[in-house]
Amino acid sequence: MYKNIGKRISEICKEKNVTQKDLILNDLGSTPTISNVFHGRQLPTLKFVSGFLDMFPYLDARWLITGKRSTLENNMTSDNQAEYEKKVGDSNKEKIHLEKINSLTEQIELKDQIIANKDEQIALLKRLLGER
């Protein structure tokens, strides 16, 4: 019953064009963990299940975990489903963009530090060479 949760997660991701990398970017786990969940070698953590359900709020948690009962998706009108997907998609895109911006900002700060250190080294070398 619980062993097939990875299969259900994998099927939903495939259906919604969500990759394992998308799950990693949404901080649901590491690459090996998510791969193990997808292939049924490991059960997902509570953090993973909670985050996954946040990504797909129309899913029935009981169905995802146990396989019992249909997804709420089947009971929703196509308008409601499209609205959910748009919200989730926009939210995920925004989160991914913010993570990229934060990463780039950190890289810029690191490069600024490297440049400052190199400037200090150059100044020190000039002083040493000038003293000779």
Protein backbone atom coordinates (compact mmCIF):
# COMPACT_ATOMS: atom_id res chain seq x y z
CA MET A 1 0.00 0.00 0.00
CA TYR A 2 2.63 2.58 1.06
CA LYS A 3 5.30 1.19 -1.23
CA ASN A 4 3.50 2.49 -4.29
CA ILE A 5 3.61 6.09 -3.11
CA GLY A 6 6.75 6.64 -5.19
CA LYS A 7 4.92 5.36 -8.24
CA ARG A 8 2.01 7.74 -7.60
CA ILE A 9 4.42 10.65 -7.08
CA SER A 10 6.28 9.75 -10.26
CA GLU A 11 3.05 9.48 -12.27
CA ILE A 12 1.76 12.84 -11.06
CA CYS A 13 5.08 14.49 -11.88
CA LYS A 14 5.10 12.93 -15.34
CA GLU A 15 1.49 14.01 -15.94
CA LYS A 16 2.22 17.58 -14.82
CA ASN A 17 5.67 17.82 -16.47
CA VAL A 18 7.43 18.26 -13.14
CA THR A 19 10.96 16.90 -13.02
CA GLN A 20 12.97 15.55 -10.13
CA LYS A 21 15.08 18.69 -10.42
CA ASP A 22 11.93 20.80 -9.88
CA LEU A 23 11.33 18.90 -6.65
CA ILE A 24 14.92 19.49 -5.58
CA LEU A 25 14.59 23.21 -6.34
CA ASN A 26 11.45 23.26 -4.20
CA ASP A 27 13.57 21.89 -1.34
CA LEU A 28 11.76 18.55 -1.10
CA GLY A 29 14.96 16.57 -0.75
CA SER A 30 18.35 15.76 -2.21
CA THR A 31 18.93 14.22 -5.63
CA PRO A 32 19.51 10.69 -4.27
CA THR A 33 16.52 10.90 -1.93
CA ILE A 34 14.11 12.03 -4.62
CA SER A 35 15.44 9.44 -7.06
CA ASN A 36 14.98 6.73 -4.42
CA VAL A 37 11.40 7.88 -3.77
CA PHE A 38 10.62 7.86 -7.51
CA HIS A 39 11.95 4.33 -7.87
CA GLY A 40 10.30 2.95 -4.73
CA ARG A 41 13.55 2.31 -2.88
CA GLN A 42 12.70 4.80 -0.15
CA LEU A 43 9.53 6.21 1.37
CA PRO A 44 9.27 10.01 1.19
CA THR A 45 9.74 12.07 4.33
CA LEU A 46 6.93 14.07 5.87
CA LYS A 47 8.66 17.21 4.59
CA PHE A 48 8.60 15.77 1.07
CA VAL A 49 4.92 14.77 1.22
CA SER A 50 3.92 18.11 2.72
CA GLY A 51 5.87 20.07 0.10
CA PHE A 52 4.55 17.87 -2.70
CA LEU A 53 0.97 18.46 -1.56
CA ASP A 54 1.71 22.21 -1.45
CA MET A 55 2.80 21.98 -5.08
CA PHE A 56 -0.39 20.10 -6.00
CA PRO A 57 -3.08 21.37 -3.59
CA TYR A 58 -5.87 19.57 -5.45
CA LEU A 59 -4.40 16.16 -4.61
CA ASP A 60 -6.04 14.05 -1.93
CA ALA A 61 -3.35 13.39 0.70
CA ARG A 62 -4.92 10.07 1.67
CA TRP A 63 -4.83 8.90 -1.93
CA LEU A 64 -1.22 10.02 -2.35
CA ILE A 65 -0.08 8.16 0.76
CA THR A 66 -2.25 5.04 0.71
CA GLY A 67 -3.61 4.80 -2.83
CA LYS A 68 -7.15 4.74 -1.50
CA ARG A 69 -9.75 7.06 -2.98
CA SER A 70 -9.47 9.10 -6.16
CA THR A 71 -7.61 12.36 -6.44
CA LEU A 72 -9.68 15.46 -5.94
CA GLU A 73 -8.43 16.43 -9.37
CA ASN A 74 -11.00 14.08 -10.92
CA ASN A 75 -13.81 15.85 -9.04
CA MET A 76 -12.74 19.35 -9.96
CA THR A 77 -14.02 21.32 -12.91
CA SER A 78 -11.43 22.02 -15.57
CA ASP A 79 -11.60 25.74 -14.68
CA ASN A 80 -10.73 25.06 -11.03
CA GLN A 81 -7.97 22.67 -12.00
CA ALA A 82 -6.50 25.17 -14.47
CA GLU A 83 -6.64 27.86 -11.79
CA TYR A 84 -4.80 25.62 -9.31
CA GLU A 85 -2.20 24.67 -11.89
CA LYS A 86 -1.64 28.31 -12.81
CA LYS A 87 -1.22 29.30 -9.15
CA VAL A 88 1.13 26.40 -8.48
CA GLY A 89 3.05 26.99 -11.69
CA ASP A 90 3.37 30.73 -11.06
CA SER A 91 4.36 30.11 -7.45
CA ASN A 92 7.00 27.55 -8.45
CA LYS A 93 8.37 29.78 -11.21
CA GLU A 94 8.57 32.70 -8.80
CA LYS A 95 10.32 30.56 -6.18
CA ILE A 96 12.79 29.23 -8.75
CA HIS A 97 13.51 32.76 -10.01
CA LEU A 98 14.05 34.01 -6.44
CA GLU A 99 16.42 31.12 -5.76
CA LYS A 100 18.36 31.92 -8.94
CA ILE A 101 18.54 35.61 -7.98
CA ASN A 102 19.76 34.71 -4.48
CA SER A 103 22.34 32.34 -5.93
CA LEU A 104 23.58 34.97 -8.38
CA THR A 105 23.72 37.58 -5.61
CA GLU A 106 25.82 35.21 -3.49
CA GLN A 107 28.12 34.55 -6.46
CA ILE A 108 28.55 38.29 -7.05
CA GLU A 109 29.37 38.85 -3.36
CA LEU A 110 31.90 36.02 -3.46
CA LYS A 111 33.52 37.38 -6.60
CA ASP A 112 33.67 40.85 -5.00
CA GLN A 113 35.46 39.31 -2.02
CA ILE A 114 37.89 37.51 -4.33
CA ILE A 115 38.60 40.75 -6.19
CA ALA A 116 39.14 42.62 -2.90
CA ASN A 117 41.57 39.90 -1.76
CA LYS A 118 43.42 40.05 -5.08
CA ASP A 119 43.62 43.86 -4.80
CA GLU A 120 45.13 43.48 -1.33
CA GLN A 121 47.63 40.92 -2.65
CA ILE A 122 48.60 43.23 -5.51
CA ALA A 123 49.08 46.14 -3.12
CA LEU A 124 51.19 43.97 -0.82
CA LEU A 125 53.33 42.76 -3.73
CA LYS A 126 53.83 46.32 -4.96
CA ARG A 127 54.98 47.37 -1.48
CA LEU A 128 57.34 44.39 -1.25
CA LEU A 129 58.78 45.07 -4.68
CA GLY A 130 59.10 48.79 -3.94
CA GLU A 131 61.04 48.05 -0.75
CA ARG A 132 63.76 46.12 -2.57
